[in-house]
Amino acid sequence: MSQISAKDVKHLRDTTGVGMMDCKKALEETGGDMQKAVEYLRKKGAALAAKRADKDAREGMVCIALSDDRKSGAILELNCETDFVARGEIFTGFAQELVSLALAEHAESPESVMGIKLSEAYGCEKVDDAIKTMTGKLGEKIDLKRLMCFDAQDGVIEAYVHPGSQLGTMVQLVTDQPEKARDLAKDLAMQVAASAPIVTDRSKVPAEYIEKEIEIYRQQALGQGKQEKFIEKIVAGRIEKYYQEVVLTEQVFIKDNNAKVSDVLNEFRKTHQAQVDVKAFVRYQLGE
């Protein structure tokens, strides 16, 4: 067996990020050949990934990247098994690398990014292989759970990540005054984080959601002994309140309890003589 130097072990560790003992074993198994040792560690990572495929990966982080001009943005949720790993530099750095790649490639889903190569810092591996390698480094299942990109050539995108990186949001506005609308978009990203709407306006609430709410409120009213002639009014009032909870433009604005989000949008239009509408938003909370 060839003599393995501490310098070679350190070089392999710096290249792969894998622990010193694993690097030493890889070099011993490959006769000190650095390239073969790298491949050995990659295969070991793939084997470990397969072994841990059934494990629960409920920890992790939500990560966001925005272009400098705020015309595009990407958000993803990357999962691991423990909070300890989720807070480490290796995991957080990998998440940032993935979201930056997603932004650059305008990726639309985890599947669409798997075949794309990462930077030299990650050995130019394809994302799918790099996730397996990362599993080998960290000893935990790593899972790119979800990913989404926005493009806003007709407006602006802003985002908010809550401290701890377990909750993140992006908001896309259509506007003819994108620079002036950036602060508004940022406020609305915080609104989405705090109030968890599901749609931009009531016309987009799925019919089955309303039907379910009507049935819940109707059964509650019947259980309380309400007369049939009053139930319709009770249900109508409850549904109106439901809209105010789940529709972004009808929610109470988090910075002013006396205004709705629709009021804030109207005020911006009036003040800046500008067009502005919420085109889309996304809200990722870890584990949802």
Protein backbone atom coordinates (compact mmCIF):
# COMPACT_ATOMS: atom_id res chain seq x y z
CA MET A 1 0.00 0.00 0.00
CA SER A 2 1.38 3.38 -0.98
CA GLN A 3 2.20 5.92 1.71
CA ILE A 4 -0.60 8.48 2.10
CA SER A 5 0.65 11.91 3.13
CA ALA A 6 -1.24 14.31 5.37
CA LYS A 7 -0.90 16.87 2.57
CA ASP A 8 -2.77 14.61 0.14
CA VAL A 9 -5.49 13.93 2.69
CA LYS A 10 -5.91 17.66 3.29
CA HIS A 11 -6.03 18.36 -0.43
CA LEU A 12 -8.74 15.76 -0.93
CA ARG A 13 -10.70 17.18 1.99
CA ASP A 14 -10.43 20.71 0.58
CA THR A 15 -11.59 19.41 -2.80
CA THR A 16 -14.55 17.36 -1.60
CA GLY A 17 -15.44 18.68 1.85
CA VAL A 18 -15.54 15.11 3.16
CA GLY A 19 -14.11 14.28 6.61
CA MET A 20 -10.39 13.60 7.06
CA MET A 21 -10.76 9.92 7.97
CA ASP A 22 -12.97 9.23 4.96
CA CYS A 23 -10.50 11.06 2.73
CA LYS A 24 -7.62 9.02 4.08
CA LYS A 25 -9.51 5.77 3.50
CA ALA A 26 -10.43 6.85 -0.04
CA LEU A 27 -6.77 7.50 -0.86
CA GLU A 28 -5.72 4.19 0.68
CA GLU A 29 -8.37 2.32 -1.31
CA THR A 30 -7.26 3.96 -4.58
CA GLY A 31 -3.51 3.73 -4.10
CA GLY A 32 -3.13 7.46 -3.55
CA ASP A 33 -4.67 8.40 -6.91
CA MET A 34 -6.41 11.72 -6.24
CA GLN A 35 -8.91 11.53 -9.13
CA LYS A 36 -9.88 7.96 -8.30
CA ALA A 37 -10.24 8.94 -4.65
CA VAL A 38 -12.69 11.70 -5.62
CA GLU A 39 -14.71 9.19 -7.64
CA TYR A 40 -14.56 6.73 -4.74
CA LEU A 41 -16.07 9.31 -2.43
CA ARG A 42 -18.76 10.18 -4.98
CA LYS A 43 -19.79 6.54 -5.24
CA LYS A 44 -19.80 6.26 -1.47
CA GLY A 45 -22.07 9.31 -1.33
CA ALA A 46 -24.43 7.73 -3.88
CA ALA A 47 -24.51 4.51 -1.88
CA LEU A 48 -25.28 6.38 1.32
CA ALA A 49 -27.98 8.40 -0.46
CA ALA A 50 -29.65 5.16 -1.55
CA LYS A 51 -29.35 3.76 1.96
CA ARG A 52 -30.97 6.86 3.51
CA ALA A 53 -33.66 7.30 0.85
CA ASP A 54 -36.41 6.23 3.26
CA LYS A 55 -35.27 8.54 6.05
CA ASP A 56 -37.31 11.61 7.01
CA ALA A 57 -35.74 14.89 5.90
CA ARG A 58 -37.86 17.52 7.64
CA GLU A 59 -35.23 20.06 8.61
CA GLY A 60 -33.43 22.38 6.22
CA MET A 61 -33.90 25.87 4.89
CA VAL A 62 -35.76 28.09 2.46
CA CYS A 63 -33.41 30.00 0.17
CA ILE A 64 -34.06 32.85 -2.30
CA ALA A 65 -32.02 34.55 -5.03
CA LEU A 66 -33.03 37.69 -6.96
CA SER A 67 -31.45 39.27 -10.00
CA ASP A 68 -29.90 42.71 -9.49
CA ASP A 69 -32.62 44.36 -11.57
CA ARG A 70 -35.36 42.48 -9.66
CA LYS A 71 -36.76 41.12 -12.91
CA SER A 72 -36.32 37.48 -11.93
CA GLY A 73 -36.18 35.45 -8.77
CA ALA A 74 -35.89 31.87 -7.53
CA ILE A 75 -36.98 30.21 -4.31
CA LEU A 76 -36.37 26.68 -3.07
CA GLU A 77 -36.67 24.44 -0.05
CA LEU A 78 -33.73 22.15 0.62
CA ASN A 79 -34.20 19.49 3.29
CA CYS A 80 -31.94 17.44 5.54
CA GLU A 81 -32.50 15.28 8.60
CA THR A 82 -31.30 17.44 11.51
CA ASP A 83 -31.27 21.08 12.51
CA PHE A 84 -27.55 20.77 13.28
CA VAL A 85 -26.75 20.03 9.63
CA ALA A 86 -29.28 22.62 8.40
CA ARG A 87 -27.41 25.39 10.22
CA GLY A 88 -23.97 24.35 9.00
CA GLU A 89 -21.95 26.23 6.39
CA ILE A 90 -21.71 23.24 4.05
CA PHE A 91 -25.47 22.79 3.82
CA THR A 92 -26.34 26.50 3.65
CA GLY A 93 -23.64 27.09 1.04
CA PHE A 94 -25.00 24.25 -1.07
CA ALA A 95 -28.53 25.64 -0.83
CA GLN A 96 -27.31 29.04 -1.99
CA GLU A 97 -25.44 27.43 -4.89
CA LEU A 98 -28.59 25.60 -5.96
CA VAL A 99 -30.85 28.64 -5.82
CA SER A 100 -28.31 30.74 -7.72
CA LEU A 101 -28.18 28.05 -10.41
CA ALA A 102 -31.98 27.91 -10.53
CA LEU A 103 -32.10 31.68 -11.02
CA ALA A 104 -29.49 31.62 -13.78
CA GLU A 105 -31.25 28.78 -15.61
CA HIS A 106 -34.83 29.96 -14.93
CA ALA A 107 -35.58 26.49 -13.59
CA GLU A 108 -39.24 25.76 -12.96
CA SER A 109 -39.05 22.68 -10.73
CA PRO A 110 -36.61 20.43 -8.87
CA GLU A 111 -36.73 17.98 -11.79
CA SER A 112 -35.74 20.66 -14.30
CA VAL A 113 -32.52 21.47 -12.47
CA MET A 114 -31.26 17.95 -11.74
CA GLY A 115 -29.32 17.56 -14.99
CA ILE A 116 -27.62 20.97 -14.85
CA LYS A 117 -23.98 21.20 -13.80
CA LEU A 118 -22.86 23.17 -10.77
CA SER A 119 -19.77 25.35 -10.52
CA GLU A 120 -16.17 24.17 -10.13
CA ALA A 121 -16.56 24.60 -6.38
CA TYR A 122 -18.83 21.54 -6.56
CA GLY A 123 -16.72 19.62 -9.04
CA CYS A 124 -18.93 20.60 -11.99
CA GLU A 125 -21.24 17.77 -10.98
CA LYS A 126 -24.83 17.63 -12.11
CA VAL A 127 -27.23 18.62 -9.36
CA ASP A 128 -28.54 15.07 -9.01
CA ASP A 129 -25.02 13.72 -8.43
CA ALA A 130 -24.05 16.65 -6.23
CA ILE A 131 -26.96 15.92 -3.89
CA LYS A 132 -25.68 12.37 -3.51
CA THR A 133 -22.16 13.66 -2.89
CA MET A 134 -23.54 16.06 -0.28
CA THR A 135 -25.29 13.15 1.42
CA GLY A 136 -21.89 11.45 1.64
CA LYS A 137 -20.30 14.56 3.12
CA LEU A 138 -22.96 15.23 5.70
CA GLY A 139 -24.14 11.68 6.43
CA GLU A 140 -27.80 12.69 6.05
CA LYS A 141 -30.47 12.50 3.39
CA ILE A 142 -30.51 15.70 1.31
CA ASP A 143 -33.66 16.46 -0.65
CA LEU A 144 -34.51 19.34 -2.98
CA LYS A 145 -38.19 19.37 -2.08
CA ARG A 146 -39.52 22.25 -4.19
CA LEU A 147 -38.35 25.09 -6.39
CA MET A 148 -39.98 27.92 -8.32
CA CYS A 149 -38.87 30.87 -10.45
CA PHE A 150 -40.59 34.14 -11.36
CA ASP A 151 -39.85 36.37 -14.33
CA ALA A 152 -41.17 39.93 -14.31
CA GLN A 153 -40.15 41.79 -17.45
CA ASP A 154 -43.35 43.83 -17.00
CA GLY A 155 -42.76 44.67 -13.36
CA VAL A 156 -40.68 43.86 -10.31
CA ILE A 157 -40.00 41.00 -7.89
CA GLU A 158 -39.15 41.30 -4.22
CA ALA A 159 -38.68 38.72 -1.50
CA TYR A 160 -38.56 38.20 2.24
CA VAL A 161 -36.79 35.50 4.24
CA HIS A 162 -37.72 35.29 7.91
CA PRO A 163 -34.79 35.00 10.37
CA GLY A 164 -33.84 31.34 10.66
CA SER A 165 -34.49 30.72 6.95
CA GLN A 166 -37.48 28.46 7.60
CA LEU A 167 -39.97 30.78 5.89
CA GLY A 168 -39.53 32.69 2.64
CA THR A 169 -41.76 34.53 0.17
CA MET A 170 -41.57 36.15 -3.25
CA VAL A 171 -44.03 38.64 -4.74
CA GLN A 172 -44.31 39.65 -8.40
CA LEU A 173 -45.91 42.97 -9.27
CA VAL A 174 -46.98 44.15 -12.71
CA THR A 175 -46.21 47.86 -12.86
CA ASP A 176 -45.00 50.63 -15.14
CA GLN A 177 -43.00 52.10 -12.23
CA PRO A 178 -40.85 49.14 -11.10
CA GLU A 179 -38.24 51.16 -9.21
CA LYS A 180 -40.87 53.03 -7.22
CA ALA A 181 -42.78 49.81 -6.56
CA ARG A 182 -39.87 47.94 -4.97
CA ASP A 183 -40.67 49.03 -1.42
CA LEU A 184 -44.32 48.14 -1.95
CA ALA A 185 -43.32 44.71 -3.27
CA LYS A 186 -41.09 44.18 -0.23
CA ASP A 187 -43.95 45.09 2.10
CA LEU A 188 -46.23 42.66 0.31
CA ALA A 189 -43.62 39.91 0.55
CA MET A 190 -43.67 40.46 4.32
CA GLN A 191 -47.49 40.48 4.20
CA VAL A 192 -47.50 37.07 2.52
CA ALA A 193 -45.08 35.73 5.13
CA ALA A 194 -47.12 37.03 8.06
CA SER A 195 -50.68 36.42 6.85
CA ALA A 196 -50.35 33.35 4.59
CA PRO A 197 -52.86 34.20 1.83
CA ILE A 198 -53.58 31.54 -0.78
CA VAL A 199 -54.59 33.67 -3.81
CA THR A 200 -54.29 37.25 -5.09
CA ASP A 201 -58.03 37.91 -5.44
CA ARG A 202 -61.28 36.15 -4.58
CA SER A 203 -61.99 35.06 -8.15
CA LYS A 204 -59.03 32.70 -7.85
CA VAL A 205 -60.20 30.89 -4.71
CA PRO A 206 -60.92 27.28 -5.81
CA ALA A 207 -64.64 26.48 -5.80
CA GLU A 208 -64.06 23.35 -3.74
CA TYR A 209 -62.50 25.46 -0.98
CA ILE A 210 -65.63 27.60 -0.76
CA GLU A 211 -67.89 24.56 -0.84
CA LYS A 212 -65.93 23.01 2.01
CA GLU A 213 -66.14 26.20 4.10
CA ILE A 214 -69.88 26.54 3.44
CA GLU A 215 -70.45 22.98 4.63
CA ILE A 216 -68.36 23.55 7.77
CA TYR A 217 -70.20 26.76 8.69
CA ARG A 218 -73.58 25.24 7.86
CA GLN A 219 -72.97 22.24 10.10
CA GLN A 220 -71.78 24.52 12.89
CA ALA A 221 -74.93 26.62 12.63
CA LEU A 222 -77.14 23.54 12.65
CA GLY A 223 -75.27 22.20 15.64
CA GLN A 224 -75.95 25.45 17.48
CA GLY A 225 -79.67 25.04 16.81
CA LYS A 226 -79.92 27.94 14.36
CA GLN A 227 -83.10 28.13 12.32
CA GLU A 228 -82.81 27.31 8.64
CA LYS A 229 -83.98 30.77 7.57
CA PHE A 230 -81.04 32.37 9.40
CA ILE A 231 -78.36 29.90 8.34
CA GLU A 232 -77.93 31.33 4.83
CA LYS A 233 -77.11 34.78 6.23
CA ILE A 234 -74.76 33.32 8.82
CA VAL A 235 -72.91 31.30 6.20
CA ALA A 236 -72.67 34.29 3.83
CA GLY A 237 -71.07 36.36 6.58
CA ARG A 238 -68.60 33.64 7.46
CA ILE A 239 -67.61 33.20 3.80
CA GLU A 240 -66.98 36.94 3.53
CA LYS A 241 -64.67 36.67 6.53
CA TYR A 242 -62.96 33.68 4.91
CA TYR A 243 -62.19 35.76 1.82
CA GLN A 244 -60.63 38.42 4.04
CA GLU A 245 -58.37 35.77 5.55
CA VAL A 246 -57.13 33.99 2.42
CA VAL A 247 -57.25 36.62 -0.36
CA LEU A 248 -54.13 38.80 -0.37
CA THR A 249 -55.80 41.99 -1.62
CA GLU A 250 -58.57 41.70 0.97
CA GLN A 251 -56.33 41.09 3.99
CA VAL A 252 -55.69 43.76 6.59
CA PHE A 253 -52.33 45.37 5.77
CA ILE A 254 -49.70 44.36 8.32
CA LYS A 255 -48.36 47.92 8.60
CA ASP A 256 -51.77 49.59 9.03
CA ASN A 257 -54.70 47.86 10.72
CA ASN A 258 -57.07 50.43 9.24
CA ALA A 259 -56.23 49.56 5.63
CA LYS A 260 -56.57 46.56 3.40
CA VAL A 261 -53.90 45.53 0.90
CA SER A 262 -56.21 46.74 -1.88
CA ASP A 263 -56.23 50.18 -0.23
CA VAL A 264 -52.43 50.24 -0.20
CA LEU A 265 -52.32 49.34 -3.90
CA ASN A 266 -54.84 52.07 -4.71
CA GLU A 267 -52.84 54.62 -2.73
CA PHE A 268 -49.70 53.73 -4.67
CA ARG A 269 -51.56 54.12 -7.97
CA LYS A 270 -52.86 57.52 -6.91
CA THR A 271 -49.61 58.82 -5.42
CA HIS A 272 -47.36 57.76 -8.30
CA GLN A 273 -49.89 57.92 -11.15
CA ALA A 274 -48.82 54.36 -11.82
CA GLN A 275 -50.20 50.99 -12.74
CA VAL A 276 -49.65 48.25 -10.18
CA ASP A 277 -51.19 44.83 -9.59
CA VAL A 278 -50.11 41.68 -7.78
CA LYS A 279 -49.49 39.09 -10.48
CA ALA A 280 -48.23 36.24 -8.31
CA PHE A 281 -46.71 35.27 -5.00
CA VAL A 282 -45.20 32.19 -3.43
CA ARG A 283 -44.78 31.25 0.21
CA TYR A 284 -42.53 28.40 1.36
CA GLN A 285 -42.55 27.36 5.00
CA LEU A 286 -40.22 24.58 6.00
CA GLY A 287 -42.01 21.25 6.24
CA GLU A 288 -45.33 22.31 4.73
